[in-house]
Amino acid sequence: MRKYLLLLSAFFIVSFNFAQNIPEDYQKAQTLLNSKNYWEAMPLFREFLDSDKYGNLSNYAAFHIGEAALGANQPAQAITALSLVANKVWTKSDESKYLLALAYFQNQQKLEALRAIKGIKKESIKELAENATFENLKNTSASFMVANLQEFKENKGYAAALKAILESQTILSATERAAYYELQGNAGGGMNSVKDMVLDFVVILPFSTSPSAAASSIDQSSFIFELYQGINFAVNRLKEEGKQVTLHTFDSKRDMNHLADLLKDPVIVKADVIIGPIYPDEVDLVSSFAEASKIPLIHPLSNLGERFENTQYSYLFRPSVASISKGIVEALQNQDWGRKVALGYSGSSRDEQLGMLLKDQLTSAGFSIIDMQQVNSRNVIDFLQRQGIRTGMDSVELEADQLILLTDDPSIAQPTFGLMESVNASVPFLVMDSWIGFNFANYEMLEFPNFHFISNNTPNFEADAMQQFKENFYTKNLTYPSLNATLGRELVYWLSSNMGPTKGFDLRRNLDQASFQQGKVSWGFNFQNSNNNQYVPVFKIDAGEMKPLK
């Protein structure tokens, strides 16, 4: 603490030193203070605290008592003395606030110290106070610093101390990450205001799994690369149409430190929208950045939207579990299939959550869940047979009026489809739309059109735009687009339809002004007042074409 007192020596030269009628005991107290005899100096200065008797000299006496008490490591006494003069209008008002802040810091009263500093006006004293802030707070808990950032962020020492604290930690909470990006200047202040008429896409995906991986090592058969192919294709199409758009792509490398460094890149800071990443830990980091920076973040593949429930700028491109469940319930309510439901679900996080939610919502809607089980490739046949579906039977006594199987796993789908081929059963069977793409399934060959498909941003395979996309994609890549490439292509279409020079770059506002929006190569979207696609029809196959159930 004494080094801060020495720094002020130039400011604390008291004008009374050259006065002719300074009391002898006051001059003696000054001599003791200058020689660091703090304990002897304090009682002598106290004799002059009566402002009625000594006028302005009493202000200086209180000031010097505070100075001496700090030197004697008596912060409580310093606070008592300096509180008498810190808020007065007099020559040493700012210097008094500074010493009072030092006393509060020494007495572990951090908030009081910081509030005293906020009142300092002189730049030279303020700089000293900010330096003292850094020294006294650099080892403080991050929770205290983050909680009080908004009140004291104008204090440069406070901001520097918090930044140093956060950078020393290997793991940051969502609020700590948001604070860190705010300190870097990436948040607020109109950072996401329209900078120009160019729609700037940033893609952050885990193309590789090592910080040292070279670009040549990227697996071009991975679902990540397929997704990127669709995104890149769509952006190029926009450019061909004369749209002003850029695409910048970054590899997260599945390394959190590398990803944190990426988020400092000026290209990302100035993006209009961020697509990706994929994995939960990466998503949490980039979502915090996006929220602080007011840049829309789009998770391109997930249905798990609970992490975005309290966010303003983070979206799922696909329906959330809640939206899928709602779509299934509404579809069943509009059919006359009966009220008994058998429900199977795989062990994936999405399917488990969806199964539990669907059970509750179907029950609330008046349906009866007669059987519910987690299924895998080994037990799915047993599950189906319990419902009365058995190989070789011409007629069946079915327990359920409809079956629902929640999984994207082909090892579960294949035995299920094989069993349904071998029985004469017309029971409606609801599965995820991923089953449409399984090459072992020919739904038109079934005796009954049992299968119905739950939408998850389902491609519209018969649309003219879809046929054109397939042809153009093949011309460029010598292969037809995968489902992930199709999703990437549609994601860019959806964003460019809701952001740009014509509509403006406020994605949230534009989505709220619309309800259902027709897709380009999918059946469409509804993001009104939502951070996920609420349009979840259930499809049937009619004369070889997919159509939504009425």
Protein backbone atom coordinates (compact mmCIF):
# COMPACT_ATOMS: atom_id res chain seq x y z
CA MET A 1 0.00 0.00 0.00
CA ARG A 2 2.85 2.42 0.74
CA LYS A 3 3.94 2.52 -2.89
CA TYR A 4 0.59 4.12 -3.78
CA LEU A 5 1.19 6.76 -1.12
CA LEU A 6 4.63 7.55 -2.52
CA LEU A 7 3.16 7.96 -5.99
CA LEU A 8 0.98 10.74 -4.65
CA SER A 9 3.74 12.72 -3.00
CA ALA A 10 3.72 15.26 -5.79
CA PHE A 11 0.02 15.91 -5.25
CA PHE A 12 0.02 16.08 -1.50
CA ILE A 13 2.30 19.11 -0.98
CA VAL A 14 0.11 21.16 1.29
CA SER A 15 -0.15 24.87 0.66
CA PHE A 16 -0.18 25.58 4.40
CA ASN A 17 3.56 24.75 4.53
CA PHE A 18 4.44 28.29 3.60
CA ALA A 19 1.76 30.04 5.62
CA GLN A 20 2.93 32.26 8.48
CA ASN A 21 0.44 31.30 11.16
CA ILE A 22 0.25 27.48 11.07
CA PRO A 23 -0.04 26.17 14.65
CA GLU A 24 3.13 24.70 16.04
CA ASP A 25 1.55 21.31 16.85
CA TYR A 26 0.24 21.05 13.27
CA GLN A 27 3.72 21.70 11.90
CA LYS A 28 5.11 19.10 14.32
CA ALA A 29 2.53 16.58 13.07
CA GLN A 30 3.58 17.27 9.50
CA THR A 31 7.23 16.67 10.40
CA LEU A 32 6.32 13.36 12.06
CA LEU A 33 4.30 12.30 9.02
CA ASN A 34 7.11 13.13 6.64
CA SER A 35 9.51 11.07 8.75
CA LYS A 36 6.94 8.17 8.75
CA ASN A 37 6.25 8.41 12.49
CA TYR A 38 2.60 7.69 11.73
CA TRP A 39 1.42 6.78 15.22
CA GLU A 40 2.83 9.98 16.74
CA ALA A 41 1.45 12.14 13.92
CA MET A 42 -2.19 11.02 14.07
CA PRO A 43 -3.17 12.34 17.54
CA LEU A 44 -1.57 15.71 16.80
CA PHE A 45 -3.56 16.09 13.54
CA ARG A 46 -6.79 15.15 15.36
CA GLU A 47 -6.48 18.32 17.45
CA PHE A 48 -7.29 20.31 14.28
CA LEU A 49 -10.44 18.52 13.04
CA ASP A 50 -12.82 21.22 14.32
CA SER A 51 -13.83 23.02 11.11
CA ASP A 52 -15.54 25.84 13.01
CA LYS A 53 -12.30 26.65 14.79
CA TYR A 54 -9.70 25.84 12.12
CA GLY A 55 -11.61 26.24 8.85
CA ASN A 56 -9.93 24.72 5.79
CA LEU A 57 -7.00 23.55 7.95
CA SER A 58 -9.36 20.89 9.38
CA ASN A 59 -9.78 19.38 5.90
CA TYR A 60 -6.03 19.00 5.55
CA ALA A 61 -5.80 17.56 9.07
CA ALA A 62 -8.37 14.86 8.22
CA PHE A 63 -6.58 14.18 4.95
CA HIS A 64 -3.23 13.70 6.73
CA ILE A 65 -4.78 11.50 9.40
CA GLY A 66 -5.96 9.24 6.59
CA GLU A 67 -2.51 9.31 5.04
CA ALA A 68 -0.85 8.45 8.38
CA ALA A 69 -3.40 5.74 9.22
CA LEU A 70 -2.77 4.02 5.88
CA GLY A 71 0.96 4.16 6.57
CA ALA A 72 0.34 2.60 10.00
CA ASN A 73 -1.83 -0.13 8.43
CA GLN A 74 -4.94 1.15 10.19
CA PRO A 75 -7.50 1.28 7.35
CA ALA A 76 -10.52 1.69 9.65
CA GLN A 77 -9.06 4.89 11.12
CA ALA A 78 -8.19 6.12 7.64
CA ILE A 79 -11.76 5.51 6.46
CA THR A 80 -13.19 7.44 9.41
CA ALA A 81 -10.95 10.45 8.77
CA LEU A 82 -11.15 10.53 4.97
CA SER A 83 -14.93 10.10 4.95
CA LEU A 84 -15.07 13.59 6.54
CA VAL A 85 -13.54 15.27 3.49
CA ALA A 86 -13.79 12.96 0.45
CA ASN A 87 -17.18 14.31 -0.62
CA LYS A 88 -16.49 17.96 0.21
CA VAL A 89 -15.78 20.51 -2.48
CA TRP A 90 -12.20 21.49 -1.73
CA THR A 91 -8.72 21.42 -3.28
CA LYS A 92 -7.87 17.83 -2.35
CA SER A 93 -11.26 16.23 -2.93
CA ASP A 94 -10.05 13.76 -5.61
CA GLU A 95 -6.90 12.93 -3.67
CA SER A 96 -9.07 12.22 -0.63
CA LYS A 97 -11.28 9.85 -2.65
CA TYR A 98 -8.18 8.06 -3.86
CA LEU A 99 -6.80 7.58 -0.33
CA LEU A 100 -10.27 6.52 0.84
CA ALA A 101 -10.37 3.89 -1.92
CA LEU A 102 -6.94 2.61 -0.79
CA ALA A 103 -8.23 2.37 2.75
CA TYR A 104 -11.32 0.45 1.62
CA PHE A 105 -9.16 -1.93 -0.41
CA GLN A 106 -6.90 -2.45 2.61
CA ASN A 107 -10.00 -3.13 4.73
CA GLN A 108 -11.33 -5.68 2.16
CA GLN A 109 -14.26 -3.43 1.25
CA LYS A 110 -13.91 -3.75 -2.52
CA LEU A 111 -17.25 -2.34 -3.60
CA GLU A 112 -16.84 0.74 -1.41
CA ALA A 113 -13.36 1.30 -2.83
CA LEU A 114 -14.59 1.02 -6.41
CA ARG A 115 -17.46 3.42 -5.76
CA ALA A 116 -15.08 5.95 -4.24
CA ILE A 117 -12.93 5.76 -7.39
CA LYS A 118 -15.95 6.41 -9.62
CA GLY A 119 -16.16 9.92 -8.12
CA ILE A 120 -12.61 10.93 -9.10
CA LYS A 121 -12.46 13.57 -11.83
CA LYS A 122 -8.77 14.46 -12.23
CA GLU A 123 -7.23 12.27 -14.91
CA SER A 124 -3.88 12.03 -13.13
CA ILE A 125 -5.52 10.81 -9.90
CA LYS A 126 -7.91 8.54 -11.82
CA GLU A 127 -4.96 6.83 -13.49
CA LEU A 128 -3.39 6.14 -10.09
CA ALA A 129 -6.72 4.80 -8.82
CA GLU A 130 -7.10 2.48 -11.82
CA ASN A 131 -3.60 1.12 -11.28
CA ALA A 132 -4.47 0.48 -7.65
CA THR A 133 -7.69 -1.23 -8.76
CA PHE A 134 -5.76 -3.68 -10.89
CA GLU A 135 -3.26 -4.49 -8.14
CA ASN A 136 -5.97 -5.03 -5.54
CA LEU A 137 -8.38 -7.05 -7.70
CA LYS A 138 -6.13 -9.17 -9.92
CA ASN A 139 -6.49 -12.14 -7.54
CA THR A 140 -10.19 -11.66 -6.80
CA SER A 141 -12.77 -14.34 -7.65
CA ALA A 142 -14.13 -14.27 -11.18
CA SER A 143 -17.71 -14.50 -9.88
CA PHE A 144 -17.36 -11.22 -7.95
CA MET A 145 -15.74 -9.48 -10.91
CA VAL A 146 -18.28 -10.67 -13.49
CA ALA A 147 -21.22 -9.83 -11.22
CA ASN A 148 -20.06 -6.20 -10.88
CA LEU A 149 -18.68 -5.65 -14.37
CA GLN A 150 -21.51 -3.44 -15.60
CA GLU A 151 -21.13 -1.02 -12.68
CA PHE A 152 -17.36 -0.66 -12.90
CA LYS A 153 -16.41 -1.49 -16.50
CA GLU A 154 -15.36 2.12 -17.14
CA ASN A 155 -12.54 1.59 -14.63
CA LYS A 156 -9.67 0.44 -16.85
CA GLY A 157 -7.95 -1.28 -13.94
CA TYR A 158 -11.10 -3.28 -13.19
CA ALA A 159 -11.42 -4.40 -16.81
CA ALA A 160 -7.74 -5.34 -16.99
CA ALA A 161 -7.95 -7.31 -13.73
CA LEU A 162 -11.03 -9.25 -14.87
CA LYS A 163 -9.49 -10.03 -18.24
CA ALA A 164 -6.35 -11.35 -16.53
CA ILE A 165 -8.44 -13.46 -14.14
CA LEU A 166 -10.49 -15.01 -16.96
CA GLU A 167 -7.45 -15.67 -19.12
CA SER A 168 -5.84 -17.58 -16.24
CA GLN A 169 -8.74 -20.04 -16.13
CA THR A 170 -8.93 -23.10 -18.38
CA ILE A 171 -12.73 -23.38 -18.21
CA LEU A 172 -15.16 -20.47 -18.36
CA SER A 173 -18.86 -20.47 -17.57
CA ALA A 174 -21.27 -18.97 -20.09
CA THR A 175 -21.48 -15.70 -18.14
CA GLU A 176 -17.70 -15.55 -17.80
CA ARG A 177 -17.26 -16.07 -21.55
CA ALA A 178 -19.79 -13.34 -22.27
CA ALA A 179 -17.91 -10.99 -19.95
CA TYR A 180 -14.60 -11.88 -21.58
CA TYR A 181 -15.87 -11.08 -25.08
CA GLU A 182 -17.40 -7.84 -23.82
CA LEU A 183 -14.01 -6.83 -22.43
CA GLN A 184 -12.45 -7.54 -25.81
CA GLY A 185 -14.81 -5.03 -27.36
CA ASN A 186 -16.78 -7.64 -29.27
CA ALA A 187 -20.13 -6.86 -27.73
CA GLY A 188 -22.55 -3.96 -27.72
CA GLY A 189 -21.93 -0.57 -29.25
CA GLY A 190 -23.71 -1.53 -32.43
CA MET A 191 -21.27 -4.31 -33.27
CA ASN A 192 -24.00 -6.07 -35.21
CA SER A 193 -25.33 -3.03 -36.99
CA VAL A 194 -25.34 -3.25 -40.76
CA LYS A 195 -21.78 -2.53 -41.82
CA ASP A 196 -22.45 -2.69 -45.55
CA MET A 197 -24.79 -4.37 -48.01
CA VAL A 198 -22.82 -7.63 -48.02
CA LEU A 199 -24.17 -10.72 -46.26
CA ASP A 200 -21.14 -12.17 -44.49
CA PHE A 201 -21.36 -15.88 -43.62
CA VAL A 202 -18.87 -17.46 -41.24
CA VAL A 203 -18.73 -21.25 -40.95
CA ILE A 204 -17.01 -22.85 -37.95
CA LEU A 205 -16.92 -26.64 -38.18
CA PRO A 206 -14.65 -29.40 -36.79
CA PHE A 207 -13.15 -30.47 -40.10
CA SER A 208 -10.21 -32.07 -38.28
CA THR A 209 -9.66 -33.37 -34.76
CA SER A 210 -6.18 -32.12 -33.95
CA PRO A 211 -4.62 -28.65 -33.62
CA SER A 212 -1.72 -29.82 -35.78
CA ALA A 213 -3.87 -31.37 -38.54
CA ALA A 214 -3.22 -30.09 -42.05
CA ALA A 215 -5.99 -29.08 -44.43
CA SER A 216 -5.09 -32.03 -46.67
CA SER A 217 -6.07 -34.42 -43.86
CA ILE A 218 -9.75 -33.43 -43.88
CA ASP A 219 -12.00 -36.42 -44.52
CA GLN A 220 -14.06 -35.46 -47.55
CA SER A 221 -16.50 -38.31 -46.92
CA SER A 222 -17.45 -37.07 -43.44
CA PHE A 223 -20.86 -35.60 -42.68
CA ILE A 224 -19.10 -32.35 -41.70
CA PHE A 225 -17.58 -31.96 -45.14
CA GLU A 226 -20.88 -32.91 -46.81
CA LEU A 227 -22.62 -30.16 -44.87
CA TYR A 228 -19.94 -27.69 -45.92
CA GLN A 229 -20.30 -28.75 -49.56
CA GLY A 230 -23.97 -27.81 -49.47
CA ILE A 231 -23.25 -24.47 -47.77
CA ASN A 232 -20.51 -23.62 -50.25
CA PHE A 233 -22.69 -24.62 -53.19
CA ALA A 234 -25.52 -22.37 -52.01
CA VAL A 235 -23.26 -19.37 -51.42
CA ASN A 236 -21.80 -19.74 -54.92
CA ARG A 237 -25.32 -19.84 -56.34
CA LEU A 238 -26.13 -16.59 -54.56
CA LYS A 239 -23.04 -15.00 -56.09
CA GLU A 240 -24.08 -16.24 -59.55
CA GLU A 241 -27.45 -14.58 -58.99
CA GLY A 242 -25.68 -11.28 -58.33
CA LYS A 243 -26.12 -11.28 -54.55
CA GLN A 244 -23.45 -9.60 -52.41
CA VAL A 245 -22.30 -12.38 -50.10
CA THR A 246 -19.07 -13.73 -48.62
CA LEU A 247 -18.20 -17.05 -47.03
CA HIS A 248 -15.34 -17.50 -44.56
CA THR A 249 -14.65 -20.99 -43.22
CA PHE A 250 -12.77 -21.93 -40.04
CA ASP A 251 -11.71 -25.32 -38.68
CA SER A 252 -12.38 -25.59 -34.93
CA LYS A 253 -10.05 -28.63 -34.83
CA ARG A 254 -11.98 -29.96 -31.79
CA ASP A 255 -9.68 -27.86 -29.63
CA MET A 256 -11.25 -25.35 -27.26
CA ASN A 257 -8.16 -23.16 -26.93
CA HIS A 258 -7.87 -22.97 -30.71
CA LEU A 259 -11.57 -22.16 -30.98
CA ALA A 260 -11.29 -19.41 -28.35
CA ASP A 261 -8.46 -17.87 -30.37
CA LEU A 262 -10.54 -18.07 -33.55
CA LEU A 263 -13.25 -15.98 -31.94
CA LYS A 264 -10.82 -13.06 -31.76
CA ASP A 265 -10.48 -13.05 -35.55
CA PRO A 266 -11.83 -9.77 -37.00
CA VAL A 267 -13.65 -11.70 -39.75
CA ILE A 268 -15.70 -13.58 -37.14
CA VAL A 269 -16.26 -10.49 -35.03
CA LYS A 270 -17.77 -8.70 -38.05
CA ALA A 271 -19.85 -11.63 -39.33
CA ASP A 272 -23.55 -11.24 -40.06
CA VAL A 273 -24.23 -14.88 -39.17
CA ILE A 274 -22.24 -17.84 -37.85
CA ILE A 275 -23.02 -21.43 -38.92
CA GLY A 276 -21.75 -24.11 -36.57
CA PRO A 277 -20.02 -25.57 -34.72
CA ILE A 278 -21.44 -29.04 -34.01
CA TYR A 279 -20.31 -30.48 -30.67
CA PRO A 280 -21.87 -29.29 -27.37
CA ASP A 281 -18.74 -27.84 -25.74
CA GLU A 282 -17.88 -25.88 -28.89
CA VAL A 283 -21.47 -24.76 -29.34
CA ASP A 284 -21.62 -23.42 -25.78
CA LEU A 285 -18.45 -21.37 -26.31
CA VAL A 286 -19.51 -19.89 -29.66
CA SER A 287 -23.09 -19.33 -28.48
CA SER A 288 -21.80 -17.22 -25.58
CA PHE A 289 -19.71 -15.23 -28.04
CA ALA A 290 -22.68 -14.84 -30.37
CA GLU A 291 -24.95 -13.64 -27.58
CA ALA A 292 -22.40 -11.10 -26.39
CA SER A 293 -21.65 -9.96 -29.93
CA LYS A 294 -25.29 -9.98 -31.09
CA ILE A 295 -24.46 -12.18 -34.07
CA PRO A 296 -26.94 -14.93 -35.01
CA LEU A 297 -25.51 -18.43 -34.46
CA ILE A 298 -27.12 -21.35 -36.29
CA HIS A 299 -26.60 -24.94 -35.18
CA PRO A 300 -27.12 -26.76 -38.48
CA LEU A 301 -27.91 -30.34 -37.38
CA SER A 302 -29.04 -30.68 -33.76
CA ASN A 303 -32.57 -31.08 -32.38
CA LEU A 304 -31.46 -30.45 -28.79
CA GLY A 305 -32.46 -26.87 -28.18
CA GLU A 306 -32.63 -26.66 -24.39
CA ARG A 307 -29.25 -24.92 -24.26
CA PHE A 308 -30.73 -22.10 -26.35
CA GLU A 309 -33.91 -21.60 -24.32
CA ASN A 310 -32.70 -18.35 -22.74
CA THR A 311 -30.75 -16.99 -25.70
CA GLN A 312 -31.64 -14.28 -28.20
CA TYR A 313 -29.19 -14.95 -31.01
CA SER A 314 -28.70 -18.75 -31.02
CA TYR A 315 -30.86 -20.96 -33.24
CA LEU A 316 -31.39 -24.55 -34.27
CA PHE A 317 -31.92 -24.89 -38.02
CA ARG A 318 -33.89 -28.08 -37.43
CA PRO A 319 -36.90 -28.56 -35.12
CA SER A 320 -36.27 -28.92 -31.41
CA VAL A 321 -37.42 -31.99 -29.51
CA ALA A 322 -40.40 -29.97 -28.27
CA SER A 323 -41.41 -28.96 -31.81
CA ILE A 324 -41.11 -32.53 -33.09
CA SER A 325 -43.24 -33.83 -30.26
CA LYS A 326 -45.88 -31.18 -30.88
CA GLY A 327 -45.94 -32.01 -34.61
CA ILE A 328 -46.45 -35.74 -33.93
CA VAL A 329 -49.28 -35.14 -31.45
CA GLU A 330 -51.07 -32.77 -33.84
CA ALA A 331 -50.74 -35.28 -36.69
CA LEU A 332 -52.23 -38.13 -34.64
CA GLN A 333 -55.06 -35.93 -33.37
CA ASN A 334 -56.09 -35.23 -36.99
CA GLN A 335 -56.30 -38.94 -37.89
CA ASP A 336 -58.91 -41.53 -36.99
CA TRP A 337 -56.48 -44.30 -36.10
CA GLY A 338 -57.50 -44.87 -32.49
CA ARG A 339 -56.01 -43.83 -29.16
CA LYS A 340 -53.59 -46.65 -28.29
CA VAL A 341 -49.92 -45.97 -29.02
CA ALA A 342 -46.82 -48.17 -28.78
CA LEU A 343 -43.67 -46.06 -28.49
CA GLY A 344 -40.06 -47.15 -29.07
CA TYR A 345 -36.99 -44.95 -28.97
CA SER A 346 -33.25 -45.43 -29.37
CA GLY A 347 -30.59 -44.58 -26.80
CA SER A 348 -29.53 -41.31 -28.43
CA SER A 349 -30.04 -38.12 -26.42
CA ARG A 350 -32.57 -36.74 -28.87
CA ASP A 351 -34.63 -39.92 -29.04
CA GLU A 352 -34.66 -40.44 -25.28
CA GLN A 353 -35.77 -36.85 -24.65
CA LEU A 354 -38.32 -37.00 -27.44
CA GLY A 355 -39.71 -40.31 -26.19
CA MET A 356 -40.23 -39.00 -22.64
CA LEU A 357 -41.79 -35.74 -23.84
CA LEU A 358 -44.01 -37.49 -26.38
CA LYS A 359 -45.30 -39.87 -23.71
CA ASP A 360 -46.42 -36.93 -21.55
CA GLN A 361 -47.93 -34.94 -24.39
CA LEU A 362 -49.80 -37.87 -25.94
CA THR A 363 -51.21 -38.80 -22.55
CA SER A 364 -52.33 -35.20 -22.00
CA ALA A 365 -53.99 -35.27 -25.44
CA GLY A 366 -56.06 -38.33 -24.51
CA PHE A 367 -53.92 -41.10 -26.00
CA SER A 368 -52.95 -44.25 -24.13
CA ILE A 369 -49.30 -45.41 -24.19
CA ILE A 370 -49.77 -49.18 -24.03
CA ASP A 371 -46.09 -50.02 -24.45
CA MET A 372 -42.90 -47.96 -24.29
CA GLN A 373 -39.34 -49.23 -24.58
CA GLN A 374 -35.83 -48.19 -25.49
CA VAL A 375 -34.99 -50.27 -28.55
CA ASN A 376 -31.84 -51.39 -30.30
CA SER A 377 -30.99 -53.74 -33.14
CA ARG A 378 -31.29 -56.77 -30.83
CA ASN A 379 -34.63 -56.12 -29.16
CA VAL A 380 -36.66 -54.15 -31.70
CA ILE A 381 -38.27 -57.30 -33.14
CA ASP A 382 -39.38 -58.36 -29.65
CA PHE A 383 -40.90 -54.92 -29.18
CA LEU A 384 -42.84 -55.19 -32.45
CA GLN A 385 -43.97 -58.73 -31.79
CA ARG A 386 -45.45 -57.67 -28.46
CA GLN A 387 -47.73 -55.41 -30.46
CA GLY A 388 -48.98 -58.43 -32.46
CA ILE A 389 -46.74 -58.00 -35.51
CA ARG A 390 -45.35 -61.46 -36.25
CA THR A 391 -43.76 -63.02 -39.34
CA GLY A 392 -45.91 -65.39 -41.42
CA MET A 393 -49.26 -64.29 -40.06
CA ASP A 394 -51.90 -63.36 -42.64
CA SER A 395 -53.96 -61.49 -40.13
CA VAL A 396 -52.87 -60.00 -36.91
CA GLU A 397 -54.44 -59.00 -33.65
CA LEU A 398 -52.76 -55.71 -33.00
CA GLU A 399 -52.43 -54.30 -29.53
CA ALA A 400 -51.69 -50.73 -30.69
CA ASP A 401 -53.60 -48.47 -33.05
CA GLN A 402 -50.34 -46.85 -34.14
CA LEU A 403 -46.65 -47.43 -33.55
CA ILE A 404 -43.96 -44.78 -33.22
CA LEU A 405 -40.27 -45.62 -33.54
CA LEU A 406 -37.86 -42.77 -32.81
CA THR A 407 -34.44 -43.50 -34.27
CA ASP A 408 -32.15 -42.66 -37.17
CA ASP A 409 -30.17 -45.87 -36.72
CA PRO A 410 -30.22 -48.09 -39.84
CA SER A 411 -29.32 -51.15 -37.74
CA ILE A 412 -32.71 -50.71 -36.03
CA ALA A 413 -34.55 -49.70 -39.18
CA GLN A 414 -33.43 -52.66 -41.29
CA PRO A 415 -34.90 -55.51 -39.17
CA THR A 416 -38.01 -53.39 -38.58
CA PHE A 417 -38.59 -52.91 -42.29
CA GLY A 418 -37.85 -56.57 -42.96
CA LEU A 419 -40.52 -57.64 -40.48
CA MET A 420 -43.08 -55.23 -41.90
CA GLU A 421 -42.45 -56.65 -45.38
CA SER A 422 -43.32 -60.14 -44.15
CA VAL A 423 -46.64 -59.41 -42.41
CA ASN A 424 -50.09 -58.42 -43.51
CA ALA A 425 -50.50 -55.49 -41.14
CA SER A 426 -51.99 -52.10 -41.98
CA VAL A 427 -51.11 -50.45 -38.68
CA PRO A 428 -49.79 -46.88 -39.11
CA PHE A 429 -46.10 -46.77 -38.32
CA LEU A 430 -44.44 -43.38 -37.61
CA VAL A 431 -40.66 -43.15 -38.08
CA MET A 432 -38.14 -40.35 -38.53
CA ASP A 433 -37.72 -39.00 -42.04
CA SER A 434 -34.14 -40.32 -42.18
CA TRP A 435 -35.69 -43.71 -43.01
CA ILE A 436 -36.58 -42.38 -46.46
CA GLY A 437 -32.91 -42.49 -47.43
CA PHE A 438 -32.15 -46.07 -46.31
CA ASN A 439 -31.24 -48.06 -49.41
CA PHE A 440 -32.71 -51.31 -48.07
CA ALA A 441 -36.23 -49.87 -47.87
CA ASN A 442 -38.64 -49.77 -50.80
CA TYR A 443 -41.86 -48.45 -49.31
CA GLU A 444 -43.82 -48.75 -52.55
CA MET A 445 -43.42 -52.54 -52.47
CA LEU A 446 -45.24 -52.90 -49.15
CA GLU A 447 -48.77 -54.27 -49.32
CA PHE A 448 -49.99 -51.46 -47.07
CA PRO A 449 -48.65 -47.90 -46.90
CA ASN A 450 -47.83 -48.37 -43.22
CA PHE A 451 -44.92 -45.99 -42.92
CA HIS A 452 -45.33 -42.33 -42.15
CA PHE A 453 -42.36 -40.01 -41.79
CA ILE A 454 -41.80 -37.39 -39.09
CA SER A 455 -40.36 -34.24 -40.60
CA ASN A 456 -36.92 -33.01 -39.55
CA ASN A 457 -36.36 -30.38 -42.27
CA THR A 458 -37.34 -33.05 -44.78
CA PRO A 459 -36.18 -32.52 -48.39
CA ASN A 460 -38.94 -32.07 -50.97
CA PHE A 461 -37.63 -34.67 -53.38
CA GLU A 462 -40.22 -33.91 -56.08
CA ALA A 463 -39.66 -30.14 -56.18
CA ASP A 464 -38.20 -28.70 -59.38
CA ALA A 465 -35.60 -26.82 -57.34
CA MET A 466 -34.50 -30.13 -55.77
CA GLN A 467 -34.04 -31.75 -59.15
CA GLN A 468 -32.04 -28.76 -60.36
CA PHE A 469 -29.92 -28.83 -57.22
CA LYS A 470 -29.12 -32.51 -57.70
CA GLU A 471 -28.09 -31.97 -61.31
CA ASN A 472 -25.96 -28.89 -60.62
CA PHE A 473 -24.35 -30.49 -57.59
CA TYR A 474 -23.49 -33.59 -59.61
CA THR A 475 -21.97 -31.46 -62.37
CA LYS A 476 -19.70 -29.79 -59.85
CA ASN A 477 -18.84 -32.73 -57.57
CA LEU A 478 -19.48 -35.83 -59.73
CA THR A 479 -21.71 -37.19 -56.98
CA TYR A 480 -25.27 -36.53 -55.94
CA PRO A 481 -25.85 -34.48 -52.79
CA SER A 482 -26.20 -36.29 -49.48
CA LEU A 483 -28.84 -35.33 -46.91
CA ASN A 484 -26.25 -33.22 -45.07
CA ALA A 485 -25.29 -31.40 -48.26
CA THR A 486 -28.98 -30.76 -48.91
CA LEU A 487 -29.38 -29.33 -45.40
CA GLY A 488 -26.38 -27.06 -45.94
CA ARG A 489 -27.82 -25.81 -49.22
CA GLU A 490 -31.23 -25.15 -47.63
CA LEU A 491 -29.71 -23.46 -44.58
CA VAL A 492 -28.06 -20.80 -46.72
CA TYR A 493 -31.29 -20.31 -48.68
CA TRP A 494 -33.26 -19.80 -45.46
CA LEU A 495 -30.73 -17.29 -44.10
CA SER A 496 -30.43 -15.35 -47.35
CA SER A 497 -34.24 -15.17 -47.54
CA ASN A 498 -34.35 -13.55 -44.11
CA MET A 499 -31.21 -11.39 -44.12
CA GLY A 500 -29.85 -8.98 -46.70
CA PRO A 501 -30.07 -5.48 -48.19
CA THR A 502 -33.77 -5.78 -49.04
CA LYS A 503 -35.11 -7.10 -45.72
CA GLY A 504 -32.31 -5.86 -43.50
CA PHE A 505 -29.90 -7.87 -41.40
CA ASP A 506 -32.00 -8.31 -38.26
CA LEU A 507 -32.72 -12.03 -38.48
CA ARG A 508 -34.91 -12.15 -35.36
CA ARG A 509 -37.16 -9.33 -36.53
CA ASN A 510 -37.56 -10.77 -40.02
CA LEU A 511 -38.40 -14.26 -38.73
CA ASP A 512 -41.02 -12.87 -36.36
CA GLN A 513 -42.72 -10.99 -39.19
CA ALA A 514 -43.33 -14.23 -41.08
CA SER A 515 -45.02 -17.48 -40.11
CA PHE A 516 -44.70 -20.34 -42.58
CA GLN A 517 -42.04 -19.89 -45.24
CA GLN A 518 -41.77 -22.17 -48.27
CA GLY A 519 -38.43 -23.92 -48.59
CA LYS A 520 -36.25 -24.15 -51.66
CA VAL A 521 -35.38 -27.85 -51.48
CA SER A 522 -37.26 -28.66 -48.26
CA TRP A 523 -40.93 -28.43 -47.32
CA GLY A 524 -40.51 -25.21 -45.40
CA PHE A 525 -39.98 -23.42 -42.09
CA ASN A 526 -41.70 -21.59 -39.28
CA PHE A 527 -39.38 -19.69 -36.94
CA GLN A 528 -41.90 -17.11 -35.80
CA ASN A 529 -41.17 -16.24 -32.16
CA SER A 530 -38.98 -19.34 -31.99
CA ASN A 531 -35.31 -20.29 -32.15
CA ASN A 532 -36.04 -23.54 -34.02
CA ASN A 533 -38.11 -24.72 -36.98
CA GLN A 534 -41.64 -25.31 -35.69
CA TYR A 535 -42.91 -26.72 -38.99
CA VAL A 536 -43.05 -30.49 -38.33
CA PRO A 537 -45.56 -32.26 -40.58
CA VAL A 538 -45.89 -36.03 -40.77
CA PHE A 539 -45.69 -37.35 -44.33
CA LYS A 540 -47.30 -40.25 -46.11
CA ILE A 541 -46.36 -41.81 -49.45
CA ASP A 542 -49.21 -41.48 -51.93
CA ALA A 543 -48.77 -42.85 -55.45
CA GLY A 544 -45.02 -42.69 -55.05
CA GLU A 545 -45.00 -39.10 -53.79
CA MET A 546 -44.55 -37.76 -50.27
CA LYS A 547 -47.42 -35.64 -49.01
CA PRO A 548 -48.15 -34.16 -45.60
CA LEU A 549 -50.96 -35.83 -43.67
CA LYS A 550 -54.09 -33.73 -43.59
